[in-house]
C-alpha atoms as a PDB file:
ATOM      1  CA  GLN A   1     139.176 116.602  92.154  1.00  0.00           C
ATOM      2  CA  VAL A   2     136.318 114.126  93.309  1.00  0.00           C
ATOM      3  CA  HIS A   3     136.769 110.632  92.938  1.00  0.00           C
ATOM      4  CA  LEU A   4     134.281 107.874  93.773  1.00  0.00           C
ATOM      5  CA  VAL A   5     135.641 104.355  93.351  1.00  0.00           C
ATOM      6  CA  GLU A   6     133.526 101.433  93.921  1.00  0.00           C
ATOM      7  CA  SER A   7     134.778  98.019  94.620  1.00  0.00           C
ATOM      8  CA  GLY A   8     133.545  94.431  95.767  1.00  0.00           C
ATOM      9  CA  GLY A   9     131.713  93.325  92.602  1.00  0.00           C
ATOM     10  CA  GLY A  10     132.312  89.843  91.061  1.00  0.00           C
ATOM     11  CA  LEU A  11     130.670  86.732  89.991  1.00  0.00           C
ATOM     12  CA  VAL A  12     128.371  84.839  92.557  1.00  0.00           C
ATOM     13  CA  GLN A  13     125.440  82.296  92.873  1.00  0.00           C
ATOM     14  CA  ALA A  14     121.869  83.019  93.331  1.00  0.00           C
ATOM     15  CA  GLY A  15     121.362  83.180  97.255  1.00  0.00           C
ATOM     16  CA  ASP A  16     124.858  84.553  97.794  1.00  0.00           C
ATOM     17  CA  SER A  17     125.991  87.830  99.233  1.00  0.00           C
ATOM     18  CA  LEU A  18     128.325  90.412  98.329  1.00  0.00           C
ATOM     19  CA  ARG A  19     129.421  93.761 100.000  1.00  0.00           C
ATOM     20  CA  LEU A  20     130.258  96.682  97.718  1.00  0.00           C
ATOM     21  CA  SER A  21     132.410  99.572  98.800  1.00  0.00           C
ATOM     22  CA  CYS A  22     132.616 103.219  97.532  1.00  0.00           C
ATOM     23  CA  ALA A  23     135.490 105.022  98.479  1.00  0.00           C
ATOM     24  CA  ALA A  24     135.179 108.817  98.302  1.00  0.00           C
ATOM     25  CA  SER A  25     138.059 111.233  98.003  1.00  0.00           C
ATOM     26  CA  GLY A  26     138.200 114.991  97.250  1.00  0.00           C
ATOM     27  CA  LEU A  27     135.114 116.150  98.900  1.00  0.00           C
ATOM     28  CA  THR A  28     133.877 116.097 102.714  1.00  0.00           C
ATOM     29  CA  LEU A  29     131.759 113.012 102.443  1.00  0.00           C
ATOM     30  CA  TRP A  30     129.383 114.076 105.582  1.00  0.00           C
ATOM     31  CA  SER A  31     128.303 116.937 103.537  1.00  0.00           C
ATOM     32  CA  TYR A  32     126.681 114.762 100.745  1.00  0.00           C
ATOM     33  CA  ALA A  33     123.906 112.476 100.657  1.00  0.00           C
ATOM     34  CA  MET A  34     124.918 109.058  99.128  1.00  0.00           C
ATOM     35  CA  GLY A  35     123.040 106.847  96.655  1.00  0.00           C
ATOM     36  CA  TRP A  36     123.505 103.415  94.909  1.00  0.00           C
ATOM     37  CA  PHE A  37     122.139 102.679  91.623  1.00  0.00           C
ATOM     38  CA  ARG A  38     122.591 100.038  88.982  1.00  0.00           C
ATOM     39  CA  GLN A  39     122.263  99.618  85.263  1.00  0.00           C
ATOM     40  CA  ALA A  40     121.730  96.160  83.575  1.00  0.00           C
ATOM     41  CA  PRO A  41     122.512  95.749  79.697  1.00  0.00           C
ATOM     42  CA  GLY A  42     119.980  97.412  77.666  1.00  0.00           C
ATOM     43  CA  LYS A  43     118.012  98.914  80.574  1.00  0.00           C
ATOM     44  CA  GLU A  44     117.563 102.104  82.310  1.00  0.00           C
ATOM     45  CA  ARG A  45     119.753 103.165  85.188  1.00  0.00           C
ATOM     46  CA  GLU A  46     117.746 102.036  88.487  1.00  0.00           C
ATOM     47  CA  PHE A  47     117.787 103.694  91.716  1.00  0.00           C
ATOM     48  CA  LEU A  48     118.666 101.251  94.445  1.00  0.00           C
ATOM     49  CA  VAL A  49     118.950 103.183  97.738  1.00  0.00           C
ATOM     50  CA  HIS A  50     120.044 106.510  99.273  1.00  0.00           C
ATOM     51  CA  ILE A  51     121.193 107.633 102.713  1.00  0.00           C
ATOM     52  CA  GLY A  52     121.460 110.845 104.408  1.00  0.00           C
ATOM     53  CA  ARG A  53     124.437 112.820 105.232  1.00  0.00           C
ATOM     54  CA  SER A  54     124.894 111.467 109.098  1.00  0.00           C
ATOM     55  CA  GLY A  55     123.296 108.060 108.009  1.00  0.00           C
ATOM     56  CA  GLY A  56     120.241 108.530 109.928  1.00  0.00           C
ATOM     57  CA  SER A  57     117.871 108.069 107.067  1.00  0.00           C
ATOM     58  CA  THR A  58     117.598 105.573 104.425  1.00  0.00           C
ATOM     59  CA  TYR A  59     115.252 104.795 101.408  1.00  0.00           C
ATOM     60  CA  TYR A  60     115.348 101.670  99.607  1.00  0.00           C
ATOM     61  CA  ALA A  61     113.587 100.674  96.258  1.00  0.00           C
ATOM     62  CA  ASP A  62     111.059  97.980  96.429  1.00  0.00           C
ATOM     63  CA  SER A  63     113.283  95.777  94.541  1.00  0.00           C
ATOM     64  CA  VAL A  64     115.995  95.492  97.020  1.00  0.00           C
ATOM     65  CA  LYS A  65     114.131  96.302 100.327  1.00  0.00           C
ATOM     66  CA  GLY A  66     114.803  93.626 102.967  1.00  0.00           C
ATOM     67  CA  ARG A  67     118.108  92.257 100.994  1.00  0.00           C
ATOM     68  CA  PHE A  68     120.142  95.135 100.801  1.00  0.00           C
ATOM     69  CA  THR A  69     121.645  97.401 103.391  1.00  0.00           C
ATOM     70  CA  ILE A  70     123.397 100.726 102.737  1.00  0.00           C
ATOM     71  CA  SER A  71     125.640 102.238 105.610  1.00  0.00           C
ATOM     72  CA  ARG A  72     128.378 104.843 105.389  1.00  0.00           C
ATOM     73  CA  ASP A  73     131.540 105.749 107.602  1.00  0.00           C
ATOM     74  CA  ASN A  74     131.967 109.469 107.209  1.00  0.00           C
ATOM     75  CA  ALA A  75     135.093 109.292 109.187  1.00  0.00           C
ATOM     76  CA  ASN A  76     136.879 107.060 106.692  1.00  0.00           C
ATOM     77  CA  ASN A  77     134.831 108.568 103.493  1.00  0.00           C
ATOM     78  CA  MET A  78     133.451 105.201 102.726  1.00  0.00           C
ATOM     79  CA  VAL A  79     129.959 104.039 101.881  1.00  0.00           C
ATOM     80  CA  TYR A  80     128.841 100.280 101.797  1.00  0.00           C
ATOM     81  CA  LEU A  81     126.186  98.250 100.212  1.00  0.00           C
ATOM     82  CA  GLN A  82     125.549  94.975 101.756  1.00  0.00           C
ATOM     83  CA  MET A  83     123.577  92.720  99.179  1.00  0.00           C
ATOM     84  CA  ASN A  84     122.021  89.523 100.392  1.00  0.00           C
ATOM     85  CA  SER A  85     120.041  86.774  98.966  1.00  0.00           C
ATOM     86  CA  LEU A  86     121.113  87.771  95.398  1.00  0.00           C
ATOM     87  CA  LYS A  87     119.094  87.084  92.587  1.00  0.00           C
ATOM     88  CA  PRO A  88     120.032  86.648  88.750  1.00  0.00           C
ATOM     89  CA  GLU A  89     117.995  89.803  88.137  1.00  0.00           C
ATOM     90  CA  ASP A  90     120.483  91.757  90.211  1.00  0.00           C
ATOM     91  CA  THR A  91     123.088  91.222  87.595  1.00  0.00           C
ATOM     92  CA  ALA A  92     124.268  94.884  86.535  1.00  0.00           C
ATOM     93  CA  VAL A  93     126.848  97.343  87.061  1.00  0.00           C
ATOM     94  CA  TYR A  94     126.495  99.076  90.279  1.00  0.00           C
ATOM     95  CA  TYR A  95     127.312 102.787  90.890  1.00  0.00           C
ATOM     96  CA  CYS A  96     127.655 104.827  93.888  1.00  0.00           C
ATOM     97  CA  ALA A  97     126.889 108.740  93.762  1.00  0.00           C
ATOM     98  CA  ALA A  98     127.039 111.871  95.746  1.00  0.00           C
ATOM     99  CA  ARG A  99     124.779 114.760  96.042  1.00  0.00           C
ATOM    100  CA  TYR A 100     125.354 118.052  97.892  1.00  0.00           C
ATOM    101  CA  GLY A 101     121.767 118.371  99.359  1.00  0.00           C
ATOM    102  CA  PRO A 102     119.129 116.039 100.319  1.00  0.00           C
ATOM    103  CA  PRO A 103     118.909 112.482  99.271  1.00  0.00           C
ATOM    104  CA  VAL A 104     116.597 111.746  96.283  1.00  0.00           C
ATOM    105  CA  VAL A 105     115.782 108.851  93.761  1.00  0.00           C
ATOM    106  CA  THR A 106     116.610 110.693  90.673  1.00  0.00           C
ATOM    107  CA  GLY A 107     119.882 109.821  89.394  1.00  0.00           C
ATOM    108  CA  GLY A 108     120.149 113.130  87.472  1.00  0.00           C
ATOM    109  CA  ALA A 109     120.347 115.140  90.703  1.00  0.00           C
ATOM    110  CA  TYR A 110     123.484 113.516  91.947  1.00  0.00           C
ATOM    111  CA  ASP A 111     126.628 115.499  91.361  1.00  0.00           C
ATOM    112  CA  TYR A 112     129.390 112.745  91.216  1.00  0.00           C
ATOM    113  CA  TRP A 113     129.491 109.126  90.157  1.00  0.00           C
ATOM    114  CA  GLY A 114     132.040 106.301  90.378  1.00  0.00           C
ATOM    115  CA  GLN A 115     132.894 104.353  87.574  1.00  0.00           C
ATOM    116  CA  GLY A 116     130.835 101.106  88.661  1.00  0.00           C
ATOM    117  CA  THR A 117     131.302  97.814  89.553  1.00  0.00           C
ATOM    118  CA  GLN A 118     130.062  94.576  88.086  1.00  0.00           C
ATOM    119  CA  VAL A 119     127.884  92.152  89.614  1.00  0.00           C
ATOM    120  CA  THR A 120     126.874  89.143  87.969  1.00  0.00           C
ATOM    121  CA  VAL A 121     124.507  86.543  89.646  1.00  0.00           C
ATOM    122  CA  SER A 122     124.148  83.242  88.297  1.00  0.00           C
ATOM    123  CA  SER A 123     121.250  80.855  88.661  1.00  0.00           C
END
């Protein structure tokens, strides 16, 4: 059974940094493209970034480009999201997702999702 478990969220102040982790089990991570998404209360789920299977390709949404960095450690079945210069508008539940295929921005194309981790940024 596949599990994705996010961790690392919390309450921070504007300008702070956080590093989210996504621990994968039940799958061979190097076979999957990975993505990070978020959903704020009352808003649609938002694509943030995806990374190819080998980690050689990444694609960022404009809203996080230059502030967030995705990385992966296939040997340890981990994916990370380093978030710098956080803003109050980054407040949301953050999800990692796995897709057996090329990375895409459409959340519906991902096969597995974690339960999410809350990030709250105060002004």
